[in-house]
Amino acid sequence: MKSPPIRLGPLALLLTVISICLTVLAILTFTTARADMRLAEKYAETIQARYALEKDGQEYLCRLNAGRENAPDPDEDGVRRTELERGGFMLHIALRDDGQGGWEVLSWRHEKIWEQKETIDNLWSGSFGKEG
């Protein structure tokens, strides 16, 4: 008895499509994981810089309370402002004398220092006509 011939054409085509799909998915998984790793490292650097700046601010406030540091001159509202910088971040601190030898914290705000490094051509300037 003769066995019928096995036709490998459709099976080979199906296996080829499956292997191409698996290869594409593997490449996408790898590039996504690498991008996630870079983003996580950048986020970790940002958080470390912000917490270090927070530590600097707390130490500054401790030195003020202990009298080891002179407070900045007050503005017209009696608010004493200072800025601390670390790792591209700034901490803006606004204090007022509480009248009992301590300080009332009015503002404690983190800010990222940003400077535009290059100009963008053909960007809308925000006006529709000539100012005049």
N, C-alpha and C. Protein backbone atom coordinates (compact mmCIF):
# COMPACT_ATOMS: atom_id res chain seq x y z
N MET A 1 0.82 -1.16 0.00
CA MET A 1 0.00 0.00 0.00
C MET A 1 0.88 1.25 0.00
N LYS A 2 0.46 2.12 -0.83
CA LYS A 2 1.20 3.35 -0.99
C LYS A 2 0.61 4.44 -0.10
N SER A 3 1.46 5.16 0.65
CA SER A 3 0.94 6.24 1.48
C SER A 3 0.79 7.52 0.65
N PRO A 4 -0.22 8.33 1.02
CA PRO A 4 -0.41 9.57 0.25
C PRO A 4 0.74 10.53 0.51
N PRO A 5 1.12 11.32 -0.47
CA PRO A 5 2.23 12.26 -0.27
C PRO A 5 1.86 13.36 0.73
N ILE A 6 2.81 13.74 1.54
CA ILE A 6 2.59 14.80 2.52
C ILE A 6 2.88 16.14 1.84
N ARG A 7 1.91 17.04 1.95
CA ARG A 7 2.08 18.35 1.33
C ARG A 7 2.55 19.33 2.41
N LEU A 8 3.78 19.76 2.29
CA LEU A 8 4.37 20.65 3.29
C LEU A 8 4.20 22.12 2.96
N GLY A 9 3.68 22.49 1.85
CA GLY A 9 3.54 23.89 1.45
C GLY A 9 2.77 24.74 2.45
N PRO A 10 1.49 24.41 2.75
CA PRO A 10 0.72 25.23 3.70
C PRO A 10 1.31 25.19 5.12
N LEU A 11 1.82 24.04 5.53
CA LEU A 11 2.41 23.93 6.87
C LEU A 11 3.68 24.77 6.98
N ALA A 12 4.51 24.72 5.96
CA ALA A 12 5.73 25.53 5.96
C ALA A 12 5.41 27.01 5.97
N LEU A 13 4.40 27.43 5.23
CA LEU A 13 3.98 28.83 5.19
C LEU A 13 3.47 29.27 6.56
N LEU A 14 2.67 28.44 7.19
CA LEU A 14 2.16 28.75 8.53
C LEU A 14 3.29 28.87 9.54
N LEU A 15 4.23 27.95 9.54
CA LEU A 15 5.36 28.01 10.47
C LEU A 15 6.23 29.23 10.20
N THR A 16 6.39 29.63 8.94
CA THR A 16 7.16 30.82 8.61
C THR A 16 6.49 32.07 9.15
N VAL A 17 5.18 32.18 8.98
CA VAL A 17 4.44 33.34 9.50
C VAL A 17 4.52 33.39 11.02
N ILE A 18 4.36 32.24 11.66
CA ILE A 18 4.43 32.20 13.12
C ILE A 18 5.82 32.60 13.60
N SER A 19 6.88 32.12 12.97
CA SER A 19 8.24 32.47 13.41
C SER A 19 8.53 33.96 13.17
N ILE A 20 8.01 34.53 12.07
CA ILE A 20 8.20 35.97 11.84
C ILE A 20 7.46 36.78 12.90
N CYS A 21 6.25 36.39 13.23
CA CYS A 21 5.49 37.09 14.27
C CYS A 21 6.19 37.01 15.63
N LEU A 22 6.69 35.83 15.97
CA LEU A 22 7.39 35.69 17.25
C LEU A 22 8.68 36.50 17.27
N THR A 23 9.38 36.59 16.15
CA THR A 23 10.61 37.40 16.09
C THR A 23 10.30 38.88 16.27
N VAL A 24 9.25 39.35 15.59
CA VAL A 24 8.87 40.76 15.72
C VAL A 24 8.45 41.06 17.16
N LEU A 25 7.67 40.19 17.76
CA LEU A 25 7.27 40.40 19.16
C LEU A 25 8.47 40.38 20.10
N ALA A 26 9.42 39.53 19.85
CA ALA A 26 10.62 39.49 20.70
C ALA A 26 11.42 40.78 20.58
N ILE A 27 11.55 41.29 19.36
CA ILE A 27 12.28 42.56 19.16
C ILE A 27 11.54 43.71 19.84
N LEU A 28 10.22 43.77 19.70
CA LEU A 28 9.45 44.81 20.36
C LEU A 28 9.55 44.72 21.88
N THR A 29 9.52 43.52 22.40
CA THR A 29 9.65 43.33 23.85
C THR A 29 11.01 43.81 24.34
N PHE A 30 12.05 43.47 23.61
CA PHE A 30 13.39 43.88 24.00
C PHE A 30 13.55 45.40 23.96
N THR A 31 13.10 46.05 22.89
CA THR A 31 13.25 47.51 22.81
C THR A 31 12.39 48.22 23.84
N THR A 32 11.20 47.70 24.12
CA THR A 32 10.36 48.30 25.16
C THR A 32 11.00 48.16 26.53
N ALA A 33 11.55 46.99 26.81
CA ALA A 33 12.21 46.78 28.11
C ALA A 33 13.42 47.69 28.26
N ARG A 34 14.18 47.86 27.19
CA ARG A 34 15.35 48.75 27.26
C ARG A 34 14.93 50.20 27.47
N ALA A 35 13.85 50.64 26.79
CA ALA A 35 13.35 52.00 26.98
C ALA A 35 12.82 52.20 28.39
N ASP A 36 12.13 51.19 28.93
CA ASP A 36 11.64 51.26 30.31
C ASP A 36 12.79 51.36 31.29
N MET A 37 13.88 50.65 31.03
CA MET A 37 15.05 50.69 31.90
C MET A 37 15.67 52.08 31.90
N ARG A 38 15.81 52.69 30.72
CA ARG A 38 16.36 54.04 30.64
C ARG A 38 15.47 55.04 31.37
N LEU A 39 14.16 54.90 31.20
CA LEU A 39 13.23 55.80 31.87
C LEU A 39 13.29 55.62 33.39
N ALA A 40 13.40 54.39 33.85
CA ALA A 40 13.49 54.13 35.29
C ALA A 40 14.79 54.69 35.86
N GLU A 41 15.90 54.59 35.12
CA GLU A 41 17.16 55.16 35.60
C GLU A 41 17.08 56.68 35.67
N LYS A 42 16.46 57.30 34.67
CA LYS A 42 16.31 58.76 34.68
C LYS A 42 15.42 59.21 35.83
N TYR A 43 14.35 58.46 36.08
CA TYR A 43 13.45 58.77 37.19
C TYR A 43 14.17 58.61 38.53
N ALA A 44 15.00 57.58 38.66
CA ALA A 44 15.76 57.37 39.89
C ALA A 44 16.73 58.53 40.14
N GLU A 45 17.39 59.00 39.08
CA GLU A 45 18.30 60.14 39.24
C GLU A 45 17.53 61.38 39.67
N THR A 46 16.35 61.59 39.10
CA THR A 46 15.53 62.74 39.46
C THR A 46 15.11 62.67 40.92
N ILE A 47 14.65 61.52 41.35
CA ILE A 47 14.19 61.36 42.73
C ILE A 47 15.35 61.53 43.71
N GLN A 48 16.53 60.99 43.36
CA GLN A 48 17.69 61.15 44.24
C GLN A 48 18.07 62.62 44.37
N ALA A 49 18.03 63.36 43.27
CA ALA A 49 18.37 64.78 43.32
C ALA A 49 17.34 65.55 44.15
N ARG A 50 16.06 65.22 43.99
CA ARG A 50 15.03 65.94 44.75
C ARG A 50 15.12 65.64 46.25
N TYR A 51 15.37 64.38 46.60
CA TYR A 51 15.49 64.05 48.02
C TYR A 51 16.75 64.65 48.63
N ALA A 52 17.83 64.71 47.86
CA ALA A 52 19.05 65.36 48.36
C ALA A 52 18.79 66.84 48.58
N LEU A 53 18.04 67.46 47.68
CA LEU A 53 17.69 68.87 47.84
C LEU A 53 16.76 69.08 49.03
N GLU A 54 15.86 68.15 49.23
CA GLU A 54 14.98 68.22 50.41
C GLU A 54 15.80 68.13 51.70
N LYS A 55 16.81 67.25 51.70
CA LYS A 55 17.70 67.11 52.86
C LYS A 55 18.46 68.42 53.09
N ASP A 56 18.96 69.03 52.00
CA ASP A 56 19.66 70.31 52.13
C ASP A 56 18.75 71.38 52.73
N GLY A 57 17.48 71.39 52.29
CA GLY A 57 16.54 72.37 52.83
C GLY A 57 16.26 72.15 54.31
N GLN A 58 16.12 70.88 54.72
CA GLN A 58 15.89 70.59 56.14
C GLN A 58 17.11 70.97 56.98
N GLU A 59 18.32 70.70 56.44
CA GLU A 59 19.53 71.08 57.17
C GLU A 59 19.65 72.60 57.27
N TYR A 60 19.28 73.31 56.22
CA TYR A 60 19.30 74.78 56.24
C TYR A 60 18.35 75.29 57.33
N LEU A 61 17.14 74.73 57.41
CA LEU A 61 16.18 75.14 58.42
C LEU A 61 16.69 74.82 59.83
N CYS A 62 17.36 73.68 59.99
CA CYS A 62 17.94 73.34 61.30
C CYS A 62 19.03 74.33 61.70
N ARG A 63 19.88 74.71 60.73
CA ARG A 63 20.92 75.71 61.03
C ARG A 63 20.32 77.05 61.40
N LEU A 64 19.24 77.44 60.74
CA LEU A 64 18.56 78.69 61.09
C LEU A 64 18.00 78.63 62.50
N ASN A 65 17.34 77.53 62.84
CA ASN A 65 16.76 77.37 64.18
C ASN A 65 17.83 77.34 65.27
N ALA A 66 19.00 76.79 64.94
CA ALA A 66 20.08 76.71 65.92
C ALA A 66 20.89 78.01 66.00
N GLY A 67 20.63 78.93 65.07
CA GLY A 67 21.35 80.20 65.06
C GLY A 67 22.73 80.11 64.42
N ARG A 68 23.03 79.02 63.72
CA ARG A 68 24.33 78.87 63.08
C ARG A 68 24.36 79.49 61.68
N GLU A 69 23.21 79.92 61.20
CA GLU A 69 23.15 80.54 59.87
C GLU A 69 22.30 81.79 59.97
N ASN A 70 22.75 82.83 59.27
CA ASN A 70 22.00 84.07 59.25
C ASN A 70 20.87 83.98 58.23
N ALA A 71 19.71 84.46 58.63
CA ALA A 71 18.55 84.44 57.74
C ALA A 71 18.72 85.55 56.70
N PRO A 72 18.21 85.34 55.50
CA PRO A 72 18.27 86.40 54.49
C PRO A 72 17.43 87.60 54.92
N ASP A 73 17.71 88.73 54.34
CA ASP A 73 16.97 89.95 54.67
C ASP A 73 15.51 89.81 54.24
N PRO A 74 14.58 90.32 55.07
CA PRO A 74 13.16 90.19 54.71
C PRO A 74 12.78 91.16 53.59
N ASP A 75 11.76 90.79 52.82
CA ASP A 75 11.24 91.71 51.81
C ASP A 75 10.20 92.61 52.47
N GLU A 76 9.44 93.35 51.67
CA GLU A 76 8.49 94.33 52.24
C GLU A 76 7.36 93.67 53.02
N ASP A 77 7.09 92.39 52.79
CA ASP A 77 6.06 91.67 53.54
C ASP A 77 6.60 90.97 54.78
N GLY A 78 7.89 91.11 55.04
CA GLY A 78 8.51 90.42 56.17
C GLY A 78 8.85 88.97 55.89
N VAL A 79 8.81 88.58 54.63
CA VAL A 79 9.09 87.21 54.23
C VAL A 79 10.56 87.11 53.85
N ARG A 80 11.21 86.09 54.35
CA ARG A 80 12.62 85.85 54.03
C ARG A 80 12.67 84.69 53.04
N ARG A 81 13.26 84.94 51.88
CA ARG A 81 13.28 83.94 50.81
C ARG A 81 14.72 83.50 50.54
N THR A 82 14.85 82.22 50.25
CA THR A 82 16.15 81.68 49.85
C THR A 82 15.91 80.57 48.82
N GLU A 83 16.95 80.31 48.05
CA GLU A 83 16.88 79.26 47.04
C GLU A 83 18.09 78.35 47.20
N LEU A 84 17.85 77.06 47.14
CA LEU A 84 18.91 76.06 47.17
C LEU A 84 18.88 75.32 45.84
N GLU A 85 20.07 74.94 45.36
CA GLU A 85 20.16 74.28 44.06
C GLU A 85 20.99 73.01 44.17
N ARG A 86 20.53 71.97 43.44
CA ARG A 86 21.29 70.73 43.39
C ARG A 86 20.78 69.89 42.21
N GLY A 87 21.69 69.42 41.40
CA GLY A 87 21.36 68.49 40.32
C GLY A 87 20.34 69.00 39.33
N GLY A 88 20.34 70.29 39.04
CA GLY A 88 19.38 70.84 38.08
C GLY A 88 18.03 71.16 38.68
N PHE A 89 17.88 71.01 39.98
CA PHE A 89 16.63 71.34 40.66
C PHE A 89 16.87 72.48 41.63
N MET A 90 15.82 73.25 41.89
CA MET A 90 15.89 74.33 42.87
C MET A 90 14.81 74.12 43.92
N LEU A 91 15.12 74.52 45.13
CA LEU A 91 14.15 74.53 46.21
C LEU A 91 13.97 75.96 46.65
N HIS A 92 12.76 76.50 46.49
CA HIS A 92 12.45 77.86 46.91
C HIS A 92 11.81 77.79 48.29
N ILE A 93 12.41 78.49 49.23
CA ILE A 93 11.92 78.47 50.60
C ILE A 93 11.54 79.90 50.99
N ALA A 94 10.35 80.06 51.55
CA ALA A 94 9.90 81.36 52.06
C ALA A 94 9.56 81.17 53.53
N LEU A 95 10.18 81.98 54.37
CA LEU A 95 10.02 81.86 55.82
C LEU A 95 9.59 83.19 56.41
N ARG A 96 8.94 83.11 57.57
CA ARG A 96 8.60 84.29 58.33
C ARG A 96 8.89 84.00 59.80
N ASP A 97 9.40 84.98 60.51
CA ASP A 97 9.68 84.82 61.94
C ASP A 97 8.35 84.63 62.66
N ASP A 98 8.26 83.56 63.47
CA ASP A 98 6.99 83.27 64.14
C ASP A 98 6.83 84.02 65.45
N GLY A 99 7.83 84.82 65.84
CA GLY A 99 7.74 85.61 67.06
C GLY A 99 8.11 84.84 68.31
N GLN A 100 8.43 83.57 68.22
CA GLN A 100 8.80 82.76 69.37
C GLN A 100 10.20 82.18 69.22
N GLY A 101 10.99 82.77 68.34
CA GLY A 101 12.34 82.30 68.13
C GLY A 101 12.45 81.23 67.06
N GLY A 102 11.37 80.95 66.39
CA GLY A 102 11.38 79.93 65.33
C GLY A 102 10.95 80.54 64.01
N TRP A 103 10.65 79.67 63.07
CA TRP A 103 10.30 80.11 61.73
C TRP A 103 9.00 79.44 61.28
N GLU A 104 8.18 80.22 60.61
CA GLU A 104 6.98 79.70 59.97
C GLU A 104 7.30 79.51 58.49
N VAL A 105 7.12 78.31 58.00
CA VAL A 105 7.41 78.02 56.59
C VAL A 105 6.18 78.41 55.77
N LEU A 106 6.35 79.40 54.92
CA LEU A 106 5.25 79.86 54.07
C LEU A 106 5.22 79.14 52.73
N SER A 107 6.40 78.80 52.23
CA SER A 107 6.48 78.14 50.94
C SER A 107 7.69 77.22 50.92
N TRP A 108 7.51 76.05 50.34
CA TRP A 108 8.58 75.05 50.22
C TRP A 108 8.33 74.38 48.88
N ARG A 109 8.92 74.91 47.81
CA ARG A 109 8.55 74.52 46.45
C ARG A 109 9.75 74.06 45.65
N HIS A 110 9.64 72.88 45.05
CA HIS A 110 10.68 72.35 44.17
C HIS A 110 10.42 72.83 42.75
N GLU A 111 11.50 73.04 42.01
CA GLU A 111 11.38 73.49 40.63
C GLU A 111 12.54 72.94 39.83
N LYS A 112 12.26 72.54 38.60
CA LYS A 112 13.30 72.04 37.69
C LYS A 112 13.84 73.22 36.91
N ILE A 113 15.17 73.33 36.86
CA ILE A 113 15.81 74.38 36.07
C ILE A 113 15.79 73.93 34.62
N TRP A 114 15.27 74.79 33.75
CA TRP A 114 15.17 74.43 32.35
C TRP A 114 15.62 75.60 31.50
N GLU A 115 16.47 75.30 30.55
CA GLU A 115 16.92 76.29 29.59
C GLU A 115 16.80 75.69 28.20
N GLN A 116 16.24 76.46 27.29
CA GLN A 116 16.10 75.97 25.93
C GLN A 116 17.47 76.01 25.27
N LYS A 117 17.91 74.89 24.75
CA LYS A 117 19.24 74.80 24.17
C LYS A 117 19.28 75.18 22.70
N GLU A 118 18.18 75.05 22.02
CA GLU A 118 18.17 75.36 20.60
C GLU A 118 16.83 75.98 20.24
N THR A 119 16.83 76.69 19.14
CA THR A 119 15.59 77.29 18.69
C THR A 119 14.88 76.33 17.74
N ILE A 120 13.59 76.46 17.70
CA ILE A 120 12.78 75.63 16.81
C ILE A 120 12.30 76.53 15.69
N ASP A 121 12.67 76.21 14.46
CA ASP A 121 12.28 77.02 13.33
C ASP A 121 10.79 76.86 13.04
N ASN A 122 10.23 77.92 12.48
CA ASN A 122 8.84 77.93 12.04
C ASN A 122 7.86 77.65 13.18
N LEU A 123 8.19 78.07 14.37
CA LEU A 123 7.28 77.91 15.50
C LEU A 123 6.46 79.18 15.65
N TRP A 124 5.17 79.04 15.85
CA TRP A 124 4.29 80.19 15.96
C TRP A 124 4.68 81.03 17.17
N SER A 125 4.80 82.33 16.99
CA SER A 125 5.27 83.22 18.06
C SER A 125 4.18 83.58 19.02
N GLY A 126 2.93 83.32 18.71
CA GLY A 126 1.85 83.61 19.64
C GLY A 126 1.05 84.84 19.31
N SER A 127 1.37 85.55 18.25
CA SER A 127 0.62 86.73 17.86
C SER A 127 0.21 86.62 16.40
N PHE A 128 -0.86 87.32 16.06
CA PHE A 128 -1.37 87.25 14.69
C PHE A 128 -0.95 88.42 13.83
N GLY A 129 -0.41 89.44 14.38
CA GLY A 129 -0.02 90.59 13.59
C GLY A 129 1.15 91.29 14.24
N LYS A 130 1.54 92.36 13.61
CA LYS A 130 2.65 93.13 14.15
C LYS A 130 2.15 93.98 15.31
N GLU A 131 2.92 93.96 16.35
CA GLU A 131 2.61 94.81 17.50
C GLU A 131 3.01 96.23 17.12
N GLY A 132 2.22 97.18 17.50
CA GLY A 132 2.63 98.51 17.13
C GLY A 132 1.82 99.50 17.72
